[in-house]
Amino acid sequence: MKILPYEAYVKSVLETGGYETPEGRCHRPWKAGSAASIRYCLCILRMVASCSFSNLFGRFNHRRWAKATWNSVAVAEAMGSHVTIEGFRNRAAHQGPVIYVANHSSTLETMALPSLLMPFGKVGIVLKKSLDEMPFVGKAVRAVGSIAVTRTNPREDLKTVLTEGEKRVRDGLSIILFPQGTRQSVFHAKKFNSLGAKLAERAGVPLVAVACRTDFLQKGKKGLLEDFGAVTPTLPLQFACSPLYEPELGAKEMQARAVAFIGEKLKAWGLPVEEGQA
């Protein structure tokens, strides 16, 4: 399999605001089945090992994180998925950190977004505390400014994200949040919380919504294999960036615009969306 180098993606997204798989790039797409799922599972394990061991030897940084996680997209493309990344012109024109909010239907978003967004500046990601506490992995994610939340105590999580998130922004990091909390195959506006918009308003930086189609990788069985579900190589990977929503709009309006953008994109891609106010 020929893997697209990360540098080629960076060049494309900075020059054009996006990237799309060239016609005929994958001559022999993989068939859905156990072989494809195992191949992609090995890709995920290799990424985790690469980040963990780099940090163990003091060599882990944002650049290594971006290049390692890029494989979550590049390997999918090499297996047959058509990748489309669009709408990043406005983000490329803005200098400085932002708050990113994205829908969450697959483990793939948590791997792909750091690499997709890193060309515009360093990022930290809000993730569940159980990942932060994992041996080796936890130290690696903390080394790049990630923020751990419980997902069981909303009041505590709000305080943690607002306080720690503002500190990261002052240090020049953008923050990625998944306001749905857990992975959901159907996008429910009511379940997309406003934590990202509140952080953007408090930190005085723009809010940016990222719509993600990642059903290429399904959720696995509960337990240790939950992150390693079935793979369908013929399904596309799609990511779209919204305009920048300035903090002067206020948290409520930023939230409404972000939810509307993601919902409209997902519907245009043929994915299920439940109507309703956030």
C-alpha atoms as a PDB file:
ATOM      1  CA  MET A   1       0.000   0.000   0.000  1.00  0.00           C
ATOM      2  CA  LYS A   2       1.294   3.434  -0.933  1.00  0.00           C
ATOM      3  CA  ILE A   3       0.674   5.888   1.929  1.00  0.00           C
ATOM      4  CA  LEU A   4       0.328   9.597   1.205  1.00  0.00           C
ATOM      5  CA  PRO A   5       3.060  11.492   3.124  1.00  0.00           C
ATOM      6  CA  TYR A   6       1.833  13.916   5.759  1.00  0.00           C
ATOM      7  CA  GLU A   7       3.832  16.726   4.138  1.00  0.00           C
ATOM      8  CA  ALA A   8       1.781  16.357   0.940  1.00  0.00           C
ATOM      9  CA  TYR A   9      -1.456  16.835   2.894  1.00  0.00           C
ATOM     10  CA  VAL A  10      -0.052  19.890   4.726  1.00  0.00           C
ATOM     11  CA  LYS A  11       0.982  21.492   1.423  1.00  0.00           C
ATOM     12  CA  SER A  12      -2.460  20.900  -0.089  1.00  0.00           C
ATOM     13  CA  VAL A  13      -4.515  22.159   2.859  1.00  0.00           C
ATOM     14  CA  LEU A  14      -2.419  25.314   3.323  1.00  0.00           C
ATOM     15  CA  GLU A  15      -2.457  26.168  -0.377  1.00  0.00           C
ATOM     16  CA  THR A  16      -6.021  25.207  -1.307  1.00  0.00           C
ATOM     17  CA  GLY A  17      -7.900  24.923   1.992  1.00  0.00           C
ATOM     18  CA  GLY A  18      -8.507  21.220   1.559  1.00  0.00           C
ATOM     19  CA  TYR A  19      -7.534  17.879   0.073  1.00  0.00           C
ATOM     20  CA  GLU A  20      -9.231  15.211  -2.038  1.00  0.00           C
ATOM     21  CA  THR A  21      -8.082  11.746  -3.025  1.00  0.00           C
ATOM     22  CA  PRO A  22      -6.879  11.846  -6.656  1.00  0.00           C
ATOM     23  CA  GLU A  23      -8.775   9.707  -9.133  1.00  0.00           C
ATOM     24  CA  GLY A  24      -7.319   6.211  -9.390  1.00  0.00           C
ATOM     25  CA  ARG A  25      -5.072   6.535  -6.353  1.00  0.00           C
ATOM     26  CA  CYS A  26      -6.141   3.146  -4.978  1.00  0.00           C
ATOM     27  CA  HIS A  27      -6.109   0.590  -7.806  1.00  0.00           C
ATOM     28  CA  ARG A  28      -7.181  -2.383  -5.689  1.00  0.00           C
ATOM     29  CA  PRO A  29      -9.565  -1.382  -2.881  1.00  0.00           C
ATOM     30  CA  TRP A  30      -9.771  -3.772   0.035  1.00  0.00           C
ATOM     31  CA  LYS A  31     -12.980  -5.732   0.517  1.00  0.00           C
ATOM     32  CA  ALA A  32     -14.956  -5.358   3.738  1.00  0.00           C
ATOM     33  CA  GLY A  33     -14.228  -8.215   6.095  1.00  0.00           C
ATOM     34  CA  SER A  34     -11.953  -9.447   8.829  1.00  0.00           C
ATOM     35  CA  ALA A  35      -8.736  -8.891   6.829  1.00  0.00           C
ATOM     36  CA  ALA A  36      -9.519  -5.192   6.317  1.00  0.00           C
ATOM     37  CA  SER A  37     -10.559  -4.744   9.943  1.00  0.00           C
ATOM     38  CA  ILE A  38      -7.405  -6.434  11.244  1.00  0.00           C
ATOM     39  CA  ARG A  39      -5.218  -4.339   8.920  1.00  0.00           C
ATOM     40  CA  TYR A  40      -6.731  -1.131  10.213  1.00  0.00           C
ATOM     41  CA  CYS A  41      -6.592  -2.319  13.831  1.00  0.00           C
ATOM     42  CA  LEU A  42      -2.848  -2.874  13.387  1.00  0.00           C
ATOM     43  CA  CYS A  43      -2.578   0.683  12.058  1.00  0.00           C
ATOM     44  CA  ILE A  44      -4.201   2.022  15.242  1.00  0.00           C
ATOM     45  CA  LEU A  45      -1.990  -0.084  17.507  1.00  0.00           C
ATOM     46  CA  ARG A  46       1.109   1.061  15.642  1.00  0.00           C
ATOM     47  CA  MET A  47       0.124   4.710  16.095  1.00  0.00           C
ATOM     48  CA  VAL A  48      -0.422   4.250  19.825  1.00  0.00           C
ATOM     49  CA  ALA A  49       2.901   2.442  20.196  1.00  0.00           C
ATOM     50  CA  SER A  50       4.750   5.076  18.174  1.00  0.00           C
ATOM     51  CA  CYS A  51       3.433   7.950  20.289  1.00  0.00           C
ATOM     52  CA  SER A  52       3.944   6.125  23.574  1.00  0.00           C
ATOM     53  CA  PHE A  53       7.532   5.063  22.898  1.00  0.00           C
ATOM     54  CA  SER A  54       8.495   8.458  21.463  1.00  0.00           C
ATOM     55  CA  ASN A  55       7.315  10.028  24.703  1.00  0.00           C
ATOM     56  CA  LEU A  56       9.062   7.365  26.787  1.00  0.00           C
ATOM     57  CA  PHE A  57      12.375   8.440  25.253  1.00  0.00           C
ATOM     58  CA  GLY A  58      11.593  12.155  25.456  1.00  0.00           C
ATOM     59  CA  ARG A  59      11.086  12.666  21.728  1.00  0.00           C
ATOM     60  CA  PHE A  60       7.300  13.081  21.581  1.00  0.00           C
ATOM     61  CA  ASN A  61       5.982  16.461  20.463  1.00  0.00           C
ATOM     62  CA  HIS A  62       3.154  17.927  18.395  1.00  0.00           C
ATOM     63  CA  ARG A  63       4.910  17.243  15.096  1.00  0.00           C
ATOM     64  CA  ARG A  64       5.400  13.559  15.900  1.00  0.00           C
ATOM     65  CA  TRP A  65       1.790  13.364  17.111  1.00  0.00           C
ATOM     66  CA  ALA A  66       0.508  14.848  13.849  1.00  0.00           C
ATOM     67  CA  LYS A  67       2.596  12.558  11.642  1.00  0.00           C
ATOM     68  CA  ALA A  68       1.671   9.440  13.636  1.00  0.00           C
ATOM     69  CA  THR A  69      -2.078  10.127  13.667  1.00  0.00           C
ATOM     70  CA  TRP A  70      -2.076  11.047   9.967  1.00  0.00           C
ATOM     71  CA  ASN A  71      -1.855   7.313   9.281  1.00  0.00           C
ATOM     72  CA  SER A  72      -5.462   6.944  10.473  1.00  0.00           C
ATOM     73  CA  VAL A  73      -6.459   8.846   7.314  1.00  0.00           C
ATOM     74  CA  ALA A  74      -3.689   7.792   4.931  1.00  0.00           C
ATOM     75  CA  VAL A  75      -4.074   4.056   5.583  1.00  0.00           C
ATOM     76  CA  ALA A  76      -7.853   4.314   5.125  1.00  0.00           C
ATOM     77  CA  GLU A  77      -7.262   6.062   1.798  1.00  0.00           C
ATOM     78  CA  ALA A  78      -4.739   3.429   0.712  1.00  0.00           C
ATOM     79  CA  MET A  79      -7.297   0.721   1.530  1.00  0.00           C
ATOM     80  CA  GLY A  80      -9.859   2.325  -0.787  1.00  0.00           C
ATOM     81  CA  SER A  81     -11.655   5.105   1.088  1.00  0.00           C
ATOM     82  CA  HIS A  82     -12.110   8.357  -0.831  1.00  0.00           C
ATOM     83  CA  VAL A  83     -10.925  11.200   1.424  1.00  0.00           C
ATOM     84  CA  THR A  84     -12.388  14.703   1.156  1.00  0.00           C
ATOM     85  CA  ILE A  85     -11.227  17.566   3.379  1.00  0.00           C
ATOM     86  CA  GLU A  86     -12.784  20.960   2.685  1.00  0.00           C
ATOM     87  CA  GLY A  87     -13.442  24.478   3.956  1.00  0.00           C
ATOM     88  CA  PHE A  88     -10.145  25.283   5.672  1.00  0.00           C
ATOM     89  CA  ARG A  89      -9.370  28.524   3.794  1.00  0.00           C
ATOM     90  CA  ASN A  90     -10.808  30.681   6.570  1.00  0.00           C
ATOM     91  CA  ARG A  91      -8.906  28.752   9.217  1.00  0.00           C
ATOM     92  CA  ALA A  92      -5.661  29.092   7.266  1.00  0.00           C
ATOM     93  CA  ALA A  93      -6.149  32.865   7.094  1.00  0.00           C
ATOM     94  CA  HIS A  94      -6.598  33.213  10.861  1.00  0.00           C
ATOM     95  CA  GLN A  95      -3.476  33.559  12.967  1.00  0.00           C
ATOM     96  CA  GLY A  96      -3.784  32.261  16.498  1.00  0.00           C
ATOM     97  CA  PRO A  97      -5.637  29.589  18.474  1.00  0.00           C
ATOM     98  CA  VAL A  98      -9.312  28.666  18.143  1.00  0.00           C
ATOM     99  CA  ILE A  99     -11.707  26.235  19.796  1.00  0.00           C
ATOM    100  CA  TYR A 100     -12.723  23.319  17.567  1.00  0.00           C
ATOM    101  CA  VAL A 101     -15.950  21.381  18.120  1.00  0.00           C
ATOM    102  CA  ALA A 102     -16.703  18.216  16.148  1.00  0.00           C
ATOM    103  CA  ASN A 103     -19.309  15.486  16.007  1.00  0.00           C
ATOM    104  CA  HIS A 104     -18.248  12.109  17.347  1.00  0.00           C
ATOM    105  CA  SER A 105     -19.380   8.834  15.766  1.00  0.00           C
ATOM    106  CA  SER A 106     -16.148   6.839  15.637  1.00  0.00           C
ATOM    107  CA  THR A 107     -12.741   6.488  17.264  1.00  0.00           C
ATOM    108  CA  LEU A 108     -11.376   7.724  13.966  1.00  0.00           C
ATOM    109  CA  GLU A 109     -12.145  11.398  14.712  1.00  0.00           C
ATOM    110  CA  THR A 110      -9.982  11.398  17.821  1.00  0.00           C
ATOM    111  CA  MET A 111      -7.073  10.042  15.771  1.00  0.00           C
ATOM    112  CA  ALA A 112      -7.575  12.035  12.569  1.00  0.00           C
ATOM    113  CA  LEU A 113      -8.369  15.541  13.791  1.00  0.00           C
ATOM    114  CA  PRO A 114      -5.019  16.297  15.478  1.00  0.00           C
ATOM    115  CA  SER A 115      -3.210  15.592  12.207  1.00  0.00           C
ATOM    116  CA  LEU A 116      -5.780  17.438  10.053  1.00  0.00           C
ATOM    117  CA  LEU A 117      -5.739  20.549  12.251  1.00  0.00           C
ATOM    118  CA  MET A 118      -2.069  20.740  13.220  1.00  0.00           C
ATOM    119  CA  PRO A 119      -1.010  22.639  10.030  1.00  0.00           C
ATOM    120  CA  PHE A 120      -2.815  25.661  11.506  1.00  0.00           C
ATOM    121  CA  GLY A 121      -1.051  25.516  14.870  1.00  0.00           C
ATOM    122  CA  LYS A 122      -0.551  23.224  17.851  1.00  0.00           C
ATOM    123  CA  VAL A 123      -3.647  21.601  19.346  1.00  0.00           C
ATOM    124  CA  GLY A 124      -4.679  19.933  22.571  1.00  0.00           C
ATOM    125  CA  ILE A 125      -7.628  17.571  22.805  1.00  0.00           C
ATOM    126  CA  VAL A 126     -10.274  17.025  25.479  1.00  0.00           C
ATOM    127  CA  LEU A 127     -10.525  13.298  26.165  1.00  0.00           C
ATOM    128  CA  LYS A 128     -11.928  10.889  28.701  1.00  0.00           C
ATOM    129  CA  LYS A 129      -9.986  10.379  31.913  1.00  0.00           C
ATOM    130  CA  SER A 130      -9.631   6.633  31.352  1.00  0.00           C
ATOM    131  CA  LEU A 131      -7.322   7.311  28.377  1.00  0.00           C
ATOM    132  CA  ASP A 132      -5.307   9.784  30.420  1.00  0.00           C
ATOM    133  CA  GLU A 133      -4.748   7.110  33.064  1.00  0.00           C
ATOM    134  CA  MET A 134      -3.522   4.414  30.670  1.00  0.00           C
ATOM    135  CA  PRO A 135       0.157   3.449  31.091  1.00  0.00           C
ATOM    136  CA  PHE A 136       2.446   5.184  28.561  1.00  0.00           C
ATOM    137  CA  VAL A 137      -0.517   6.554  26.546  1.00  0.00           C
ATOM    138  CA  GLY A 138      -1.608   8.896  29.349  1.00  0.00           C
ATOM    139  CA  LYS A 139       1.824  10.474  29.668  1.00  0.00           C
ATOM    140  CA  ALA A 140       2.013  10.984  25.913  1.00  0.00           C
ATOM    141  CA  VAL A 141      -1.333  12.795  25.624  1.00  0.00           C
ATOM    142  CA  ARG A 142      -0.521  14.967  28.626  1.00  0.00           C
ATOM    143  CA  ALA A 143       2.804  15.895  27.013  1.00  0.00           C
ATOM    144  CA  VAL A 144       0.965  17.620  24.151  1.00  0.00           C
ATOM    145  CA  GLY A 145      -1.440  19.600  26.325  1.00  0.00           C
ATOM    146  CA  SER A 146      -4.515  17.370  26.327  1.00  0.00           C
ATOM    147  CA  ILE A 147      -7.247  17.822  28.966  1.00  0.00           C
ATOM    148  CA  ALA A 148      -8.871  14.862  30.744  1.00  0.00           C
ATOM    149  CA  VAL A 149     -12.542  14.899  31.817  1.00  0.00           C
ATOM    150  CA  THR A 150     -14.591  12.382  33.801  1.00  0.00           C
ATOM    151  CA  ARG A 151     -17.738  12.364  31.613  1.00  0.00           C
ATOM    152  CA  THR A 152     -19.603  11.429  34.782  1.00  0.00           C
ATOM    153  CA  ASN A 153     -19.561  14.788  36.590  1.00  0.00           C
ATOM    154  CA  PRO A 154     -20.693  17.579  34.220  1.00  0.00           C
ATOM    155  CA  ARG A 155     -20.064  20.350  36.763  1.00  0.00           C
ATOM    156  CA  GLU A 156     -16.500  19.195  37.408  1.00  0.00           C
ATOM    157  CA  ASP A 157     -15.845  18.721  33.690  1.00  0.00           C
ATOM    158  CA  LEU A 158     -17.121  22.233  32.934  1.00  0.00           C
ATOM    159  CA  LYS A 159     -14.771  23.729  35.498  1.00  0.00           C
ATOM    160  CA  THR A 160     -11.820  21.657  34.261  1.00  0.00           C
ATOM    161  CA  VAL A 161     -12.299  22.489  30.595  1.00  0.00           C
ATOM    162  CA  LEU A 162     -12.896  26.211  31.146  1.00  0.00           C
ATOM    163  CA  THR A 163      -9.932  26.604  33.496  1.00  0.00           C
ATOM    164  CA  GLU A 164      -7.412  24.345  31.780  1.00  0.00           C
ATOM    165  CA  GLY A 165      -8.645  25.213  28.301  1.00  0.00           C
ATOM    166  CA  GLU A 166      -8.127  28.927  28.866  1.00  0.00           C
ATOM    167  CA  LYS A 167      -4.579  28.217  30.066  1.00  0.00           C
ATOM    168  CA  ARG A 168      -3.828  26.200  26.939  1.00  0.00           C
ATOM    169  CA  VAL A 169      -5.187  28.972  24.715  1.00  0.00           C
ATOM    170  CA  ARG A 170      -2.964  31.510  26.467  1.00  0.00           C
ATOM    171  CA  ASP A 171      -0.036  29.192  25.687  1.00  0.00           C
ATOM    172  CA  GLY A 172      -0.987  29.292  21.997  1.00  0.00           C
ATOM    173  CA  LEU A 173      -2.791  25.945  21.693  1.00  0.00           C
ATOM    174  CA  SER A 174      -6.107  25.398  19.974  1.00  0.00           C
ATOM    175  CA  ILE A 175      -8.451  22.958  21.735  1.00  0.00           C
ATOM    176  CA  ILE A 176     -10.480  20.118  20.161  1.00  0.00           C
ATOM    177  CA  LEU A 177     -13.717  19.095  21.903  1.00  0.00           C
ATOM    178  CA  PHE A 178     -16.344  16.445  21.135  1.00  0.00           C
ATOM    179  CA  PRO A 179     -19.462  17.936  22.759  1.00  0.00           C
ATOM    180  CA  GLN A 180     -21.507  14.763  22.235  1.00  0.00           C
ATOM    181  CA  GLY A 181     -19.283  13.075  24.828  1.00  0.00           C
ATOM    182  CA  THR A 182     -19.750   9.498  23.662  1.00  0.00           C
ATOM    183  CA  ARG A 183     -19.807   8.167  20.121  1.00  0.00           C
ATOM    184  CA  GLN A 184     -23.227   8.433  18.460  1.00  0.00           C
ATOM    185  CA  SER A 185     -24.148   7.107  15.030  1.00  0.00           C
ATOM    186  CA  VAL A 186     -27.030   9.618  14.769  1.00  0.00           C
ATOM    187  CA  PHE A 187     -26.299  13.319  15.213  1.00  0.00           C
ATOM    188  CA  HIS A 188     -28.617  14.748  17.890  1.00  0.00           C
ATOM    189  CA  ALA A 189     -28.425  18.529  18.189  1.00  0.00           C
ATOM    190  CA  LYS A 190     -29.860  18.322  21.716  1.00  0.00           C
ATOM    191  CA  LYS A 191     -26.959  16.138  22.827  1.00  0.00           C
ATOM    192  CA  PHE A 192     -24.283  18.489  21.457  1.00  0.00           C
ATOM    193  CA  ASN A 193     -23.409  20.456  24.597  1.00  0.00           C
ATOM    194  CA  SER A 194     -22.234  24.081  24.586  1.00  0.00           C
ATOM    195  CA  LEU A 195     -18.955  23.572  26.459  1.00  0.00           C
ATOM    196  CA  GLY A 196     -16.850  24.477  23.413  1.00  0.00           C
ATOM    197  CA  ALA A 197     -18.796  27.678  22.779  1.00  0.00           C
ATOM    198  CA  LYS A 198     -18.486  28.673  26.429  1.00  0.00           C
ATOM    199  CA  LEU A 199     -14.746  28.094  26.343  1.00  0.00           C
ATOM    200  CA  ALA A 200     -14.390  30.137  23.139  1.00  0.00           C
ATOM    201  CA  GLU A 201     -16.326  33.026  24.689  1.00  0.00           C
ATOM    202  CA  ARG A 202     -14.320  32.880  27.921  1.00  0.00           C
ATOM    203  CA  ALA A 203     -10.946  32.628  26.149  1.00  0.00           C
ATOM    204  CA  GLY A 204     -11.874  35.300  23.620  1.00  0.00           C
ATOM    205  CA  VAL A 205     -11.084  33.196  20.532  1.00  0.00           C
ATOM    206  CA  PRO A 206     -13.195  32.019  17.570  1.00  0.00           C
ATOM    207  CA  LEU A 207     -15.229  28.820  17.590  1.00  0.00           C
ATOM    208  CA  VAL A 208     -14.783  26.515  14.597  1.00  0.00           C
ATOM    209  CA  ALA A 209     -17.061  23.552  13.844  1.00  0.00           C
ATOM    210  CA  VAL A 210     -15.725  20.475  12.051  1.00  0.00           C
ATOM    211  CA  ALA A 211     -18.200  18.036  10.522  1.00  0.00           C
ATOM    212  CA  CYS A 212     -16.850  14.487  10.276  1.00  0.00           C
ATOM    213  CA  ARG A 213     -17.995  11.435   8.362  1.00  0.00           C
ATOM    214  CA  THR A 214     -16.043   8.467   9.735  1.00  0.00           C
ATOM    215  CA  ASP A 215     -18.367   5.465   9.414  1.00  0.00           C
ATOM    216  CA  PHE A 216     -15.475   3.810   7.563  1.00  0.00           C
ATOM    217  CA  LEU A 217     -14.654   2.528  11.083  1.00  0.00           C
ATOM    218  CA  GLN A 218     -17.533   1.169  13.137  1.00  0.00           C
ATOM    219  CA  LYS A 219     -17.751   0.941  16.907  1.00  0.00           C
ATOM    220  CA  GLY A 220     -16.591  -2.440  18.200  1.00  0.00           C
ATOM    221  CA  LYS A 221     -17.949  -4.708  20.886  1.00  0.00           C
ATOM    222  CA  LYS A 222     -17.955  -3.446  24.461  1.00  0.00           C
ATOM    223  CA  GLY A 223     -14.787  -3.920  26.429  1.00  0.00           C
ATOM    224  CA  LEU A 224     -11.198  -3.914  25.214  1.00  0.00           C
ATOM    225  CA  LEU A 225     -12.228  -4.155  21.545  1.00  0.00           C
ATOM    226  CA  GLU A 226     -14.684  -1.241  21.589  1.00  0.00           C
ATOM    227  CA  ASP A 227     -12.294   0.999  19.633  1.00  0.00           C
ATOM    228  CA  PHE A 228     -11.544  -1.665  17.017  1.00  0.00           C
ATOM    229  CA  GLY A 229     -14.736  -2.173  15.050  1.00  0.00           C
ATOM    230  CA  ALA A 230     -15.407  -3.411  11.529  1.00  0.00           C
ATOM    231  CA  VAL A 231     -13.971  -1.471   8.585  1.00  0.00           C
ATOM    232  CA  THR A 232     -15.751  -0.769   5.284  1.00  0.00           C
ATOM    233  CA  PRO A 233     -13.057   0.441   2.835  1.00  0.00           C
ATOM    234  CA  THR A 234     -15.590   1.594   0.225  1.00  0.00           C
ATOM    235  CA  LEU A 235     -17.065   4.220   2.557  1.00  0.00           C
ATOM    236  CA  PRO A 236     -15.591   7.730   2.228  1.00  0.00           C
ATOM    237  CA  LEU A 237     -13.889   9.819   4.872  1.00  0.00           C
ATOM    238  CA  GLN A 238     -15.210  13.394   4.833  1.00  0.00           C
ATOM    239  CA  PHE A 239     -14.253  16.414   6.927  1.00  0.00           C
ATOM    240  CA  ALA A 240     -15.586  19.957   6.524  1.00  0.00           C
ATOM    241  CA  CYS A 241     -14.576  23.122   8.367  1.00  0.00           C
ATOM    242  CA  SER A 242     -17.040  25.896   9.169  1.00  0.00           C
ATOM    243  CA  PRO A 243     -16.404  29.642   9.016  1.00  0.00           C
ATOM    244  CA  LEU A 244     -14.896  31.171  12.154  1.00  0.00           C
ATOM    245  CA  TYR A 245     -17.556  32.213  14.674  1.00  0.00           C
ATOM    246  CA  GLU A 246     -16.139  35.183  16.562  1.00  0.00           C
ATOM    247  CA  PRO A 247     -16.476  35.336  20.372  1.00  0.00           C
ATOM    248  CA  GLU A 248     -18.355  38.656  20.120  1.00  0.00           C
ATOM    249  CA  LEU A 249     -21.370  36.638  18.943  1.00  0.00           C
ATOM    250  CA  GLY A 250     -21.671  35.132  22.418  1.00  0.00           C
ATOM    251  CA  ALA A 251     -21.719  31.476  23.403  1.00  0.00           C
ATOM    252  CA  LYS A 252     -25.393  30.910  22.557  1.00  0.00           C
ATOM    253  CA  GLU A 253     -25.140  32.166  18.980  1.00  0.00           C
ATOM    254  CA  MET A 254     -21.794  30.468  18.331  1.00  0.00           C
ATOM    255  CA  GLN A 255     -23.284  27.209  19.565  1.00  0.00           C
ATOM    256  CA  ALA A 256     -26.355  27.541  17.335  1.00  0.00           C
ATOM    257  CA  ARG A 257     -24.259  28.209  14.243  1.00  0.00           C
ATOM    258  CA  ALA A 258     -21.837  25.362  14.956  1.00  0.00           C
ATOM    259  CA  VAL A 259     -24.647  22.835  15.452  1.00  0.00           C
ATOM    260  CA  ALA A 260     -26.445  24.032  12.313  1.00  0.00           C
ATOM    261  CA  PHE A 261     -23.273  23.745  10.234  1.00  0.00           C
ATOM    262  CA  ILE A 262     -22.515  20.197  11.364  1.00  0.00           C
ATOM    263  CA  GLY A 263     -26.124  19.063  10.965  1.00  0.00           C
ATOM    264  CA  GLU A 264     -26.386  20.471   7.434  1.00  0.00           C
ATOM    265  CA  LYS A 265     -23.118  18.874   6.345  1.00  0.00           C
ATOM    266  CA  LEU A 266     -24.024  15.469   7.718  1.00  0.00           C
ATOM    267  CA  LYS A 267     -27.413  15.569   5.991  1.00  0.00           C
ATOM    268  CA  ALA A 268     -25.751  16.559   2.706  1.00  0.00           C
ATOM    269  CA  TRP A 269     -23.495  13.500   3.093  1.00  0.00           C
ATOM    270  CA  GLY A 270     -26.533  11.273   3.599  1.00  0.00           C
ATOM    271  CA  LEU A 271     -25.999  10.617   7.299  1.00  0.00           C
ATOM    272  CA  PRO A 272     -28.809  10.499   9.895  1.00  0.00           C
ATOM    273  CA  VAL A 273     -29.551  13.723  11.767  1.00  0.00           C
ATOM    274  CA  GLU A 274     -32.223  14.272  14.404  1.00  0.00           C
ATOM    275  CA  GLU A 275     -33.701  17.748  14.174  1.00  0.00           C
ATOM    276  CA  GLY A 276     -34.065  19.956  17.239  1.00  0.00           C
ATOM    277  CA  GLN A 277     -32.497  22.808  19.133  1.00  0.00           C
ATOM    278  CA  ALA A 278     -29.105  22.341  20.793  1.00  0.00           C
END
